[in-house]
Amino acid sequence: MNHIAHTPSRPAALLTVQALGDIEYLVKESEVLTGRAGRSFVIAGADRLSYRVHWHPLGFKVERLGEGGCVLNTRHLLPWEFSQHSLAQALACGQLFTAPVPRVSRAFGAPGAGA
């Protein structure tokens, strides 16, 4: 799951999403570590389509993002419907990526931080 792909048009490294089941983990990881709902994913290609995915027990909320992160479209999908979405299709082709989540700094009250 933690393979890194370097893209020439963007200097930051992206993580390649390896399996459909990883999406739930990646979304939850981002929410826990950042305190913000959802996680952004990018479909590699000429258009570099961006999406924000939110997970909840009944399925997924998928937001198609435009320039500057504005939401263009929102779909609510049950787990079996998600496998037919363009994100899952990009995953099957090895073209789905997400940015690594920044780790919490110890200076801001993380466990083990000195007072």
C-alpha atoms as a PDB file:
ATOM      1  CA  MET A   1       0.000   0.000   0.000  1.00  0.00           C
ATOM      2  CA  ASN A   2       2.821   2.452   0.686  1.00  0.00           C
ATOM      3  CA  HIS A   3       4.459   2.580  -2.712  1.00  0.00           C
ATOM      4  CA  ILE A   4       5.558   6.053  -3.717  1.00  0.00           C
ATOM      5  CA  ALA A   5       5.198   7.402  -7.229  1.00  0.00           C
ATOM      6  CA  HIS A   6       7.009  10.524  -8.353  1.00  0.00           C
ATOM      7  CA  THR A   7       5.171  12.533 -10.956  1.00  0.00           C
ATOM      8  CA  PRO A   8       7.108  14.989 -13.095  1.00  0.00           C
ATOM      9  CA  SER A   9       4.398  17.662 -13.020  1.00  0.00           C
ATOM     10  CA  ARG A  10       4.309  17.709  -9.221  1.00  0.00           C
ATOM     11  CA  PRO A  11       7.359  17.614  -6.963  1.00  0.00           C
ATOM     12  CA  ALA A  12       5.583  16.061  -3.949  1.00  0.00           C
ATOM     13  CA  ALA A  13       5.518  12.267  -3.768  1.00  0.00           C
ATOM     14  CA  LEU A  14       2.149  10.525  -3.894  1.00  0.00           C
ATOM     15  CA  LEU A  15       1.166   7.149  -2.466  1.00  0.00           C
ATOM     16  CA  THR A  16      -0.212   4.587  -4.885  1.00  0.00           C
ATOM     17  CA  VAL A  17      -3.479   3.087  -3.660  1.00  0.00           C
ATOM     18  CA  GLN A  18      -3.081  -0.679  -3.976  1.00  0.00           C
ATOM     19  CA  ALA A  19      -6.491  -2.184  -3.168  1.00  0.00           C
ATOM     20  CA  LEU A  20     -10.126  -1.148  -2.854  1.00  0.00           C
ATOM     21  CA  GLY A  21     -10.064  -2.034   0.853  1.00  0.00           C
ATOM     22  CA  ASP A  22      -7.198   0.423   1.388  1.00  0.00           C
ATOM     23  CA  ILE A  23      -9.454   3.391   0.640  1.00  0.00           C
ATOM     24  CA  GLU A  24     -11.418   2.986   3.877  1.00  0.00           C
ATOM     25  CA  TYR A  25      -8.159   2.729   5.869  1.00  0.00           C
ATOM     26  CA  LEU A  26      -6.599   5.732   4.115  1.00  0.00           C
ATOM     27  CA  VAL A  27      -9.678   7.906   4.699  1.00  0.00           C
ATOM     28  CA  LYS A  28      -9.871   6.956   8.389  1.00  0.00           C
ATOM     29  CA  GLU A  29      -6.109   7.480   8.816  1.00  0.00           C
ATOM     30  CA  SER A  30      -6.374  10.982   7.378  1.00  0.00           C
ATOM     31  CA  GLU A  31      -9.383  11.871   9.528  1.00  0.00           C
ATOM     32  CA  VAL A  32      -7.688  10.702  12.726  1.00  0.00           C
ATOM     33  CA  LEU A  33      -4.334  12.365  12.047  1.00  0.00           C
ATOM     34  CA  THR A  34      -5.602  15.665  10.621  1.00  0.00           C
ATOM     35  CA  GLY A  35      -8.965  16.101  12.355  1.00  0.00           C
ATOM     36  CA  ARG A  36     -10.546  16.922   8.968  1.00  0.00           C
ATOM     37  CA  ALA A  37     -13.235  14.828   7.297  1.00  0.00           C
ATOM     38  CA  GLY A  38     -12.366  12.833   4.200  1.00  0.00           C
ATOM     39  CA  ARG A  39      -9.207  12.349   2.156  1.00  0.00           C
ATOM     40  CA  SER A  40      -8.243  13.551  -1.294  1.00  0.00           C
ATOM     41  CA  PHE A  41      -7.369  11.193  -4.130  1.00  0.00           C
ATOM     42  CA  VAL A  42      -6.040  11.893  -7.624  1.00  0.00           C
ATOM     43  CA  ILE A  43      -6.554   9.900 -10.794  1.00  0.00           C
ATOM     44  CA  ALA A  44      -3.334  10.054 -12.803  1.00  0.00           C
ATOM     45  CA  GLY A  45      -3.747  11.156 -16.380  1.00  0.00           C
ATOM     46  CA  ALA A  46      -3.827  14.253 -18.515  1.00  0.00           C
ATOM     47  CA  ASP A  47      -6.724  15.739 -16.518  1.00  0.00           C
ATOM     48  CA  ARG A  48      -5.461  14.744 -13.029  1.00  0.00           C
ATOM     49  CA  LEU A  49      -9.022  14.414 -11.691  1.00  0.00           C
ATOM     50  CA  SER A  50      -9.294  15.092  -7.959  1.00  0.00           C
ATOM     51  CA  TYR A  51     -11.802  13.634  -5.514  1.00  0.00           C
ATOM     52  CA  ARG A  52     -12.418  13.823  -1.761  1.00  0.00           C
ATOM     53  CA  VAL A  53     -13.772  10.624  -0.223  1.00  0.00           C
ATOM     54  CA  HIS A  54     -15.608  10.437   3.104  1.00  0.00           C
ATOM     55  CA  TRP A  55     -16.267   7.061   4.713  1.00  0.00           C
ATOM     56  CA  HIS A  56     -19.228   6.156   6.901  1.00  0.00           C
ATOM     57  CA  PRO A  57     -20.624   2.757   7.948  1.00  0.00           C
ATOM     58  CA  LEU A  58     -23.205   2.689   5.154  1.00  0.00           C
ATOM     59  CA  GLY A  59     -20.825   3.566   2.327  1.00  0.00           C
ATOM     60  CA  PHE A  60     -18.932   6.454   0.818  1.00  0.00           C
ATOM     61  CA  LYS A  61     -19.515  10.102   0.013  1.00  0.00           C
ATOM     62  CA  VAL A  62     -17.471  11.001  -3.057  1.00  0.00           C
ATOM     63  CA  GLU A  63     -16.921  14.639  -3.997  1.00  0.00           C
ATOM     64  CA  ARG A  64     -15.477  15.555  -7.399  1.00  0.00           C
ATOM     65  CA  LEU A  65     -13.188  18.544  -6.859  1.00  0.00           C
ATOM     66  CA  GLY A  66     -12.477  21.338  -9.299  1.00  0.00           C
ATOM     67  CA  GLU A  67      -9.760  23.959  -9.432  1.00  0.00           C
ATOM     68  CA  GLY A  68      -8.828  25.168  -5.970  1.00  0.00           C
ATOM     69  CA  GLY A  69     -10.650  22.301  -4.268  1.00  0.00           C
ATOM     70  CA  CYS A  70     -14.219  23.483  -4.860  1.00  0.00           C
ATOM     71  CA  VAL A  71     -16.811  20.683  -4.907  1.00  0.00           C
ATOM     72  CA  LEU A  72     -18.282  20.172  -8.378  1.00  0.00           C
ATOM     73  CA  ASN A  73     -20.377  17.067  -7.711  1.00  0.00           C
ATOM     74  CA  THR A  74     -21.265  14.827  -4.761  1.00  0.00           C
ATOM     75  CA  ARG A  75     -22.355  11.186  -4.865  1.00  0.00           C
ATOM     76  CA  HIS A  76     -23.365   8.914  -1.990  1.00  0.00           C
ATOM     77  CA  LEU A  77     -22.429   5.314  -2.777  1.00  0.00           C
ATOM     78  CA  LEU A  78     -23.058   2.007  -1.058  1.00  0.00           C
ATOM     79  CA  PRO A  79     -19.954  -0.204  -0.779  1.00  0.00           C
ATOM     80  CA  TRP A  80     -20.895  -2.370  -3.784  1.00  0.00           C
ATOM     81  CA  GLU A  81     -21.674   0.747  -5.862  1.00  0.00           C
ATOM     82  CA  PHE A  82     -18.257   2.230  -5.102  1.00  0.00           C
ATOM     83  CA  SER A  83     -16.578  -0.604  -7.003  1.00  0.00           C
ATOM     84  CA  GLN A  84     -18.195   0.759 -10.209  1.00  0.00           C
ATOM     85  CA  HIS A  85     -17.031   4.365  -9.632  1.00  0.00           C
ATOM     86  CA  SER A  86     -14.226   5.873 -11.715  1.00  0.00           C
ATOM     87  CA  LEU A  87     -11.986   5.892  -8.598  1.00  0.00           C
ATOM     88  CA  ALA A  88     -12.217   2.091  -8.383  1.00  0.00           C
ATOM     89  CA  GLN A  89     -11.634   1.789 -12.131  1.00  0.00           C
ATOM     90  CA  ALA A  90      -8.507   3.984 -11.864  1.00  0.00           C
ATOM     91  CA  LEU A  91      -7.339   1.842  -8.944  1.00  0.00           C
ATOM     92  CA  ALA A  92      -7.651  -1.296 -11.084  1.00  0.00           C
ATOM     93  CA  CYS A  93      -5.386   0.369 -13.674  1.00  0.00           C
ATOM     94  CA  GLY A  94      -2.810   1.498 -11.093  1.00  0.00           C
ATOM     95  CA  GLN A  95      -3.711   5.166 -11.594  1.00  0.00           C
ATOM     96  CA  LEU A  96      -5.142   6.112  -8.184  1.00  0.00           C
ATOM     97  CA  PHE A  97      -2.953   8.137  -5.835  1.00  0.00           C
ATOM     98  CA  THR A  98      -3.203  10.067  -2.572  1.00  0.00           C
ATOM     99  CA  ALA A  99      -0.841  12.410  -0.759  1.00  0.00           C
ATOM    100  CA  PRO A 100       0.850  11.201   2.427  1.00  0.00           C
ATOM    101  CA  VAL A 101      -0.754  12.488   5.633  1.00  0.00           C
ATOM    102  CA  PRO A 102       1.479  14.875   7.560  1.00  0.00           C
ATOM    103  CA  ARG A 103       2.353  13.552  11.004  1.00  0.00           C
ATOM    104  CA  VAL A 104       1.358  15.518  14.101  1.00  0.00           C
ATOM    105  CA  SER A 105       4.216  17.519  15.579  1.00  0.00           C
ATOM    106  CA  ARG A 106       5.348  16.607  19.074  1.00  0.00           C
ATOM    107  CA  ALA A 107       5.437  20.317  19.915  1.00  0.00           C
ATOM    108  CA  PHE A 108       1.639  20.516  19.822  1.00  0.00           C
ATOM    109  CA  GLY A 109       0.732  18.148  22.627  1.00  0.00           C
ATOM    110  CA  ALA A 110       1.248  14.807  20.914  1.00  0.00           C
ATOM    111  CA  PRO A 111       1.925  11.880  23.259  1.00  0.00           C
ATOM    112  CA  GLY A 112       5.443  12.002  24.618  1.00  0.00           C
ATOM    113  CA  ALA A 113       5.807  15.770  24.246  1.00  0.00           C
ATOM    114  CA  GLY A 114       7.523  17.560  27.050  1.00  0.00           C
ATOM    115  CA  ALA A 115       5.751  20.392  28.881  1.00  0.00           C
END
